[in-house]
Amino acid sequence: MPEVIGKVVDADTGRGIAFITVALDGKVTATNSQGVFSFIVPPGTYTLRIRSPFHQPVTRTITVGNTDVDLGTITIKRVVL
């Protein structure tokens, strides 16, 4: 099955954001210490959701074919309190 991989970075610092929640249609994981996440999924269309208490949430629709999908760097902005 294909792998979906990406890296979540802070818009202000450009650094990877560690240990935030990433969900892909019911599958949930957390980023590693560098902000990288991955899922192994069958081909299909999925909703990717990235959540952090200190950053604005991100939602994207992605399509996975028969090969791996590299989402690259996903930049998220901090929440202004």
N, C-alpha and C. Protein backbone atom coordinates (compact mmCIF):
# COMPACT_ATOMS: atom_id res chain seq x y z
N MET A 1 0.85 -1.19 0.00
CA MET A 1 0.00 0.00 0.00
C MET A 1 0.88 1.24 0.00
N PRO A 2 0.37 2.31 -0.56
CA PRO A 2 1.14 3.55 -0.63
C PRO A 2 1.29 4.23 0.74
N GLU A 3 2.34 5.02 0.83
CA GLU A 3 2.61 5.81 2.03
C GLU A 3 2.33 7.27 1.73
N VAL A 4 1.68 7.95 2.68
CA VAL A 4 1.47 9.41 2.62
C VAL A 4 2.40 10.00 3.66
N ILE A 5 3.25 10.93 3.23
CA ILE A 5 4.23 11.51 4.14
C ILE A 5 4.23 13.03 3.99
N GLY A 6 4.53 13.73 5.08
CA GLY A 6 4.61 15.19 5.03
C GLY A 6 5.35 15.70 6.25
N LYS A 7 5.61 16.99 6.23
CA LYS A 7 6.28 17.64 7.35
C LYS A 7 5.52 18.90 7.70
N VAL A 8 5.23 19.09 8.99
CA VAL A 8 4.50 20.26 9.46
C VAL A 8 5.49 21.23 10.11
N VAL A 9 5.50 22.47 9.61
CA VAL A 9 6.43 23.47 10.14
C VAL A 9 5.68 24.72 10.60
N ASP A 10 6.28 25.41 11.55
CA ASP A 10 5.74 26.66 12.08
C ASP A 10 6.03 27.79 11.09
N ALA A 11 5.02 28.59 10.78
CA ALA A 11 5.16 29.68 9.81
C ALA A 11 6.15 30.74 10.26
N ASP A 12 6.26 30.95 11.57
CA ASP A 12 7.15 32.00 12.08
C ASP A 12 8.61 31.55 12.15
N THR A 13 8.83 30.32 12.56
CA THR A 13 10.20 29.86 12.79
C THR A 13 10.76 29.01 11.65
N GLY A 14 9.86 28.39 10.88
CA GLY A 14 10.30 27.47 9.83
C GLY A 14 10.75 26.12 10.36
N ARG A 15 10.58 25.89 11.65
CA ARG A 15 10.98 24.63 12.26
C ARG A 15 9.83 23.64 12.27
N GLY A 16 10.19 22.36 12.22
CA GLY A 16 9.19 21.31 12.34
C GLY A 16 8.51 21.37 13.69
N ILE A 17 7.22 21.05 13.71
CA ILE A 17 6.45 21.08 14.95
C ILE A 17 6.29 19.65 15.45
N ALA A 18 6.85 19.37 16.60
CA ALA A 18 6.86 18.02 17.16
C ALA A 18 5.55 17.68 17.86
N PHE A 19 5.14 16.44 17.69
CA PHE A 19 4.10 15.81 18.50
C PHE A 19 2.73 16.47 18.41
N ILE A 20 2.35 16.96 17.22
CA ILE A 20 0.99 17.45 17.04
C ILE A 20 0.17 16.40 16.31
N THR A 21 -1.14 16.50 16.42
CA THR A 21 -2.05 15.49 15.89
C THR A 21 -2.28 15.68 14.40
N VAL A 22 -2.14 14.57 13.67
CA VAL A 22 -2.43 14.53 12.24
C VAL A 22 -3.39 13.36 12.03
N ALA A 23 -4.52 13.64 11.37
CA ALA A 23 -5.52 12.60 11.13
C ALA A 23 -5.80 12.48 9.64
N LEU A 24 -6.05 11.26 9.21
CA LEU A 24 -6.38 10.97 7.83
C LEU A 24 -7.56 10.02 7.84
N ASP A 25 -8.77 10.59 7.74
CA ASP A 25 -10.01 9.81 7.74
C ASP A 25 -10.04 8.68 8.76
N GLY A 26 -9.92 9.04 10.02
CA GLY A 26 -10.06 8.04 11.08
C GLY A 26 -8.74 7.48 11.58
N LYS A 27 -7.70 7.55 10.78
CA LYS A 27 -6.38 7.14 11.25
C LYS A 27 -5.73 8.36 11.88
N VAL A 28 -5.14 8.18 13.04
CA VAL A 28 -4.55 9.31 13.76
C VAL A 28 -3.11 8.97 14.12
N THR A 29 -2.24 9.96 13.95
CA THR A 29 -0.85 9.84 14.36
C THR A 29 -0.38 11.18 14.90
N ALA A 30 0.86 11.24 15.30
CA ALA A 30 1.47 12.49 15.73
C ALA A 30 2.75 12.69 14.94
N THR A 31 3.14 13.94 14.76
CA THR A 31 4.41 14.21 14.11
C THR A 31 5.55 13.76 15.01
N ASN A 32 6.68 13.45 14.39
CA ASN A 32 7.85 13.08 15.19
C ASN A 32 8.57 14.35 15.67
N SER A 33 9.75 14.22 16.22
CA SER A 33 10.44 15.37 16.79
C SER A 33 10.85 16.41 15.75
N GLN A 34 10.87 16.03 14.46
CA GLN A 34 11.18 16.98 13.38
C GLN A 34 9.93 17.50 12.67
N GLY A 35 8.75 17.05 13.10
CA GLY A 35 7.51 17.49 12.47
C GLY A 35 7.04 16.61 11.33
N VAL A 36 7.65 15.44 11.15
CA VAL A 36 7.32 14.55 10.05
C VAL A 36 6.24 13.55 10.49
N PHE A 37 5.31 13.24 9.57
CA PHE A 37 4.28 12.24 9.82
C PHE A 37 4.16 11.34 8.60
N SER A 38 3.57 10.17 8.80
CA SER A 38 3.29 9.29 7.66
C SER A 38 2.14 8.35 7.99
N PHE A 39 1.47 7.93 6.93
CA PHE A 39 0.38 6.96 7.00
C PHE A 39 0.57 5.95 5.87
N ILE A 40 0.18 4.72 6.10
CA ILE A 40 0.09 3.71 5.05
C ILE A 40 -1.40 3.48 4.81
N VAL A 41 -1.85 3.76 3.58
CA VAL A 41 -3.28 3.68 3.28
C VAL A 41 -3.50 3.09 1.88
N PRO A 42 -4.66 2.49 1.65
CA PRO A 42 -4.97 2.05 0.30
C PRO A 42 -5.30 3.25 -0.59
N PRO A 43 -5.24 3.09 -1.90
CA PRO A 43 -5.62 4.19 -2.80
C PRO A 43 -7.03 4.69 -2.49
N GLY A 44 -7.22 6.01 -2.65
CA GLY A 44 -8.52 6.62 -2.39
C GLY A 44 -8.37 8.11 -2.16
N THR A 45 -9.48 8.73 -1.82
CA THR A 45 -9.51 10.16 -1.50
C THR A 45 -9.74 10.30 -0.01
N TYR A 46 -8.94 11.16 0.62
CA TYR A 46 -8.94 11.29 2.07
C TYR A 46 -8.97 12.76 2.49
N THR A 47 -9.43 12.98 3.72
CA THR A 47 -9.35 14.31 4.32
C THR A 47 -8.24 14.29 5.36
N LEU A 48 -7.25 15.16 5.17
CA LEU A 48 -6.13 15.30 6.09
C LEU A 48 -6.45 16.45 7.03
N ARG A 49 -6.30 16.21 8.34
CA ARG A 49 -6.54 17.25 9.34
C ARG A 49 -5.34 17.34 10.27
N ILE A 50 -4.85 18.57 10.45
CA ILE A 50 -3.72 18.81 11.34
C ILE A 50 -4.21 19.74 12.45
N ARG A 51 -4.00 19.30 13.70
CA ARG A 51 -4.49 20.05 14.85
C ARG A 51 -3.37 20.26 15.87
N SER A 52 -3.35 21.46 16.42
CA SER A 52 -2.42 21.81 17.49
C SER A 52 -3.09 22.89 18.34
N PRO A 53 -2.96 22.83 19.66
CA PRO A 53 -3.61 23.85 20.48
C PRO A 53 -3.04 25.26 20.27
N PHE A 54 -1.85 25.36 19.69
CA PHE A 54 -1.20 26.66 19.54
C PHE A 54 -1.10 27.13 18.09
N HIS A 55 -1.71 26.36 17.15
CA HIS A 55 -1.64 26.71 15.73
C HIS A 55 -3.03 26.61 15.10
N GLN A 56 -3.20 27.33 14.01
CA GLN A 56 -4.47 27.26 13.29
C GLN A 56 -4.60 25.88 12.65
N PRO A 57 -5.80 25.30 12.69
CA PRO A 57 -5.99 23.98 12.10
C PRO A 57 -5.88 24.02 10.57
N VAL A 58 -5.49 22.90 10.01
CA VAL A 58 -5.38 22.76 8.55
C VAL A 58 -6.21 21.56 8.13
N THR A 59 -6.98 21.71 7.06
CA THR A 59 -7.73 20.61 6.48
C THR A 59 -7.49 20.61 4.98
N ARG A 60 -7.14 19.45 4.43
CA ARG A 60 -6.90 19.31 3.00
C ARG A 60 -7.49 18.00 2.51
N THR A 61 -7.96 17.99 1.28
CA THR A 61 -8.37 16.76 0.63
C THR A 61 -7.20 16.28 -0.22
N ILE A 62 -6.85 15.01 -0.06
CA ILE A 62 -5.76 14.45 -0.85
C ILE A 62 -6.23 13.18 -1.55
N THR A 63 -5.63 12.91 -2.68
CA THR A 63 -5.93 11.69 -3.43
C THR A 63 -4.67 10.84 -3.47
N VAL A 64 -4.84 9.57 -3.12
CA VAL A 64 -3.73 8.63 -3.10
C VAL A 64 -3.97 7.60 -4.21
N GLY A 65 -2.99 7.46 -5.07
CA GLY A 65 -3.06 6.44 -6.13
C GLY A 65 -2.31 5.19 -5.69
N ASN A 66 -1.63 4.56 -6.64
CA ASN A 66 -0.90 3.33 -6.35
C ASN A 66 0.54 3.56 -5.93
N THR A 67 0.95 4.83 -5.86
CA THR A 67 2.32 5.15 -5.47
C THR A 67 2.31 6.06 -4.25
N ASP A 68 3.45 6.18 -3.60
CA ASP A 68 3.58 7.03 -2.42
C ASP A 68 3.25 8.49 -2.75
N VAL A 69 2.74 9.21 -1.74
CA VAL A 69 2.40 10.62 -1.89
C VAL A 69 3.22 11.42 -0.89
N ASP A 70 4.06 12.33 -1.39
CA ASP A 70 4.83 13.22 -0.54
C ASP A 70 4.14 14.58 -0.54
N LEU A 71 3.56 14.95 0.58
CA LEU A 71 2.85 16.23 0.68
C LEU A 71 3.82 17.40 0.88
N GLY A 72 5.08 17.10 1.07
CA GLY A 72 6.07 18.16 1.24
C GLY A 72 5.91 18.84 2.58
N THR A 73 6.22 20.11 2.60
CA THR A 73 6.15 20.90 3.82
C THR A 73 4.80 21.59 3.93
N ILE A 74 4.15 21.40 5.05
CA ILE A 74 2.87 22.05 5.33
C ILE A 74 3.12 23.08 6.41
N THR A 75 2.97 24.35 6.07
CA THR A 75 3.25 25.43 7.00
C THR A 75 1.97 25.87 7.70
N ILE A 76 2.03 25.94 9.03
CA ILE A 76 0.85 26.38 9.78
C ILE A 76 1.22 27.58 10.65
N LYS A 77 0.22 28.44 10.84
CA LYS A 77 0.42 29.69 11.58
C LYS A 77 0.01 29.51 13.03
N ARG A 78 0.70 30.22 13.88
CA ARG A 78 0.36 30.22 15.30
C ARG A 78 -0.94 30.95 15.54
N VAL A 79 -1.66 30.52 16.57
CA VAL A 79 -2.88 31.19 16.99
C VAL A 79 -2.49 32.43 17.78
N VAL A 80 -3.11 33.54 17.47
CA VAL A 80 -2.85 34.77 18.20
C VAL A 80 -3.80 34.82 19.38
N LEU A 81 -3.25 34.87 20.57
CA LEU A 81 -4.09 34.87 21.79
C LEU A 81 -4.38 36.27 22.24
